[in-house]
């Protein structure tokens, strides 16, 4: 008698988890969740290049859109565009590579 109760419980749990998984997949697939819309080509046009904390409430963020970079100051009281229209570098060095240093 006890085994059947546990079995029913496990079956119901698996069913509910399966429903949650199907709904999450559907929400992502059809763009219901925020930030899930992708470009038709699959290539992202916008990315966060770098984030530098200034203090506990403010940070600088460098954002690249297409081939242009924008410097933003993000804070608790508001956001501010510091500089816009910065040309993106032709070659982006990998981690640990200093500017002007060649790899390999």
Protein backbone atom coordinates (compact mmCIF):
# COMPACT_ATOMS: atom_id res chain seq x y z
CA UNK A 1 0.00 0.00 0.00
CA UNK A 2 2.80 2.41 0.91
CA UNK A 3 4.78 1.64 -2.26
CA UNK A 4 1.86 2.60 -4.52
CA UNK A 5 1.47 5.92 -2.70
CA UNK A 6 5.16 6.76 -3.21
CA UNK A 7 4.95 5.63 -6.82
CA UNK A 8 1.94 7.89 -7.47
CA UNK A 9 3.74 10.78 -5.80
CA UNK A 10 6.87 10.29 -7.94
CA UNK A 11 4.76 9.96 -11.09
CA UNK A 12 2.87 13.18 -10.29
CA UNK A 13 6.15 14.98 -9.54
CA UNK A 14 7.67 13.84 -12.85
CA UNK A 15 4.53 14.96 -14.68
CA UNK A 16 4.58 18.43 -13.10
CA UNK A 17 8.32 18.87 -13.77
CA UNK A 18 7.74 17.79 -17.36
CA UNK A 19 4.98 20.37 -17.76
CA UNK A 20 7.24 23.08 -16.34
CA UNK A 21 9.97 22.08 -18.78
CA UNK A 22 7.61 22.11 -21.77
CA UNK A 23 6.24 25.52 -20.78
CA UNK A 24 9.75 26.97 -20.32
CA UNK A 25 10.81 25.62 -23.72
CA UNK A 26 7.68 27.08 -25.34
CA UNK A 27 8.20 30.45 -23.67
CA UNK A 28 11.79 30.60 -24.94
CA UNK A 29 10.87 29.31 -28.38
CA UNK A 30 8.10 31.84 -28.97
CA UNK A 31 9.85 34.80 -27.31
CA UNK A 32 7.52 35.16 -24.33
CA UNK A 33 10.43 35.62 -21.92
CA UNK A 34 12.17 38.99 -21.95
CA UNK A 35 15.49 39.09 -23.78
CA UNK A 36 14.98 35.96 -25.83
CA UNK A 37 14.35 37.59 -29.21
CA UNK A 38 17.17 36.66 -31.58
CA UNK A 39 18.19 38.17 -34.88
CA UNK A 40 17.10 36.27 -37.98
CA UNK A 41 20.72 35.54 -38.94
CA UNK A 42 21.49 34.22 -35.46
CA UNK A 43 24.34 36.73 -35.05
CA UNK A 44 24.03 39.12 -32.13
CA UNK A 45 24.27 42.81 -32.91
CA UNK A 46 24.76 43.98 -29.34
CA UNK A 47 27.12 42.79 -26.61
CA UNK A 48 28.64 43.95 -23.35
CA UNK A 49 32.37 44.38 -23.93
CA UNK A 50 33.52 45.30 -20.44
CA UNK A 51 32.19 46.32 -17.02
CA UNK A 52 34.30 48.28 -14.54
CA UNK A 53 32.96 48.93 -11.03
CA UNK A 54 33.58 52.45 -9.73
CA UNK A 55 32.12 52.02 -6.25
CA UNK A 56 29.39 49.97 -4.59
CA UNK A 57 26.60 51.81 -6.43
CA UNK A 58 28.09 52.80 -9.80
CA UNK A 59 29.83 51.04 -12.67
CA UNK A 60 31.05 51.83 -16.15
CA UNK A 61 29.81 49.60 -18.98
CA UNK A 62 31.21 49.47 -22.50
CA UNK A 63 28.55 48.23 -24.94
CA UNK A 64 29.16 47.33 -28.60
CA UNK A 65 26.36 47.63 -31.17
CA UNK A 66 27.32 46.58 -34.68
CA UNK A 67 30.77 48.20 -35.06
CA UNK A 68 30.20 51.08 -32.64
CA UNK A 69 30.89 51.18 -28.92
CA UNK A 70 29.11 53.24 -26.25
CA UNK A 71 30.35 54.06 -22.74
CA UNK A 72 27.61 54.12 -20.09
CA UNK A 73 27.66 55.04 -16.41
CA UNK A 74 25.15 52.91 -14.52
CA UNK A 75 24.12 53.92 -11.03
CA UNK A 76 21.41 53.48 -8.43
CA UNK A 77 19.86 56.89 -9.12
CA UNK A 78 20.05 56.75 -12.93
CA UNK A 79 22.06 55.92 -16.01
CA UNK A 80 24.17 58.29 -18.08
CA UNK A 81 25.70 58.03 -21.55
CA UNK A 82 29.31 59.18 -21.18
CA UNK A 83 30.48 58.73 -24.78
CA UNK A 84 28.87 57.36 -27.91
CA UNK A 85 30.08 56.54 -31.40
CA UNK A 86 33.41 55.04 -30.32
CA UNK A 87 34.85 52.99 -33.20
CA UNK A 88 35.27 49.34 -32.23
CA UNK A 89 38.84 48.02 -32.50
CA UNK A 90 39.60 46.00 -35.64
CA UNK A 91 41.02 43.08 -33.64
CA UNK A 92 39.90 42.26 -30.15
CA UNK A 93 42.72 40.76 -28.02
CA UNK A 94 41.95 37.62 -26.04
CA UNK A 95 42.10 37.39 -22.25
CA UNK A 96 45.52 38.13 -20.79
CA UNK A 97 46.78 39.81 -23.99
CA UNK A 98 47.99 43.38 -23.60
CA UNK A 99 47.13 46.01 -26.18
CA UNK A 100 49.65 45.98 -29.03
CA UNK A 101 50.96 42.53 -28.08
CA UNK A 102 50.80 39.77 -30.70
CA UNK A 103 49.55 36.28 -29.95
CA UNK A 104 51.43 33.17 -31.06
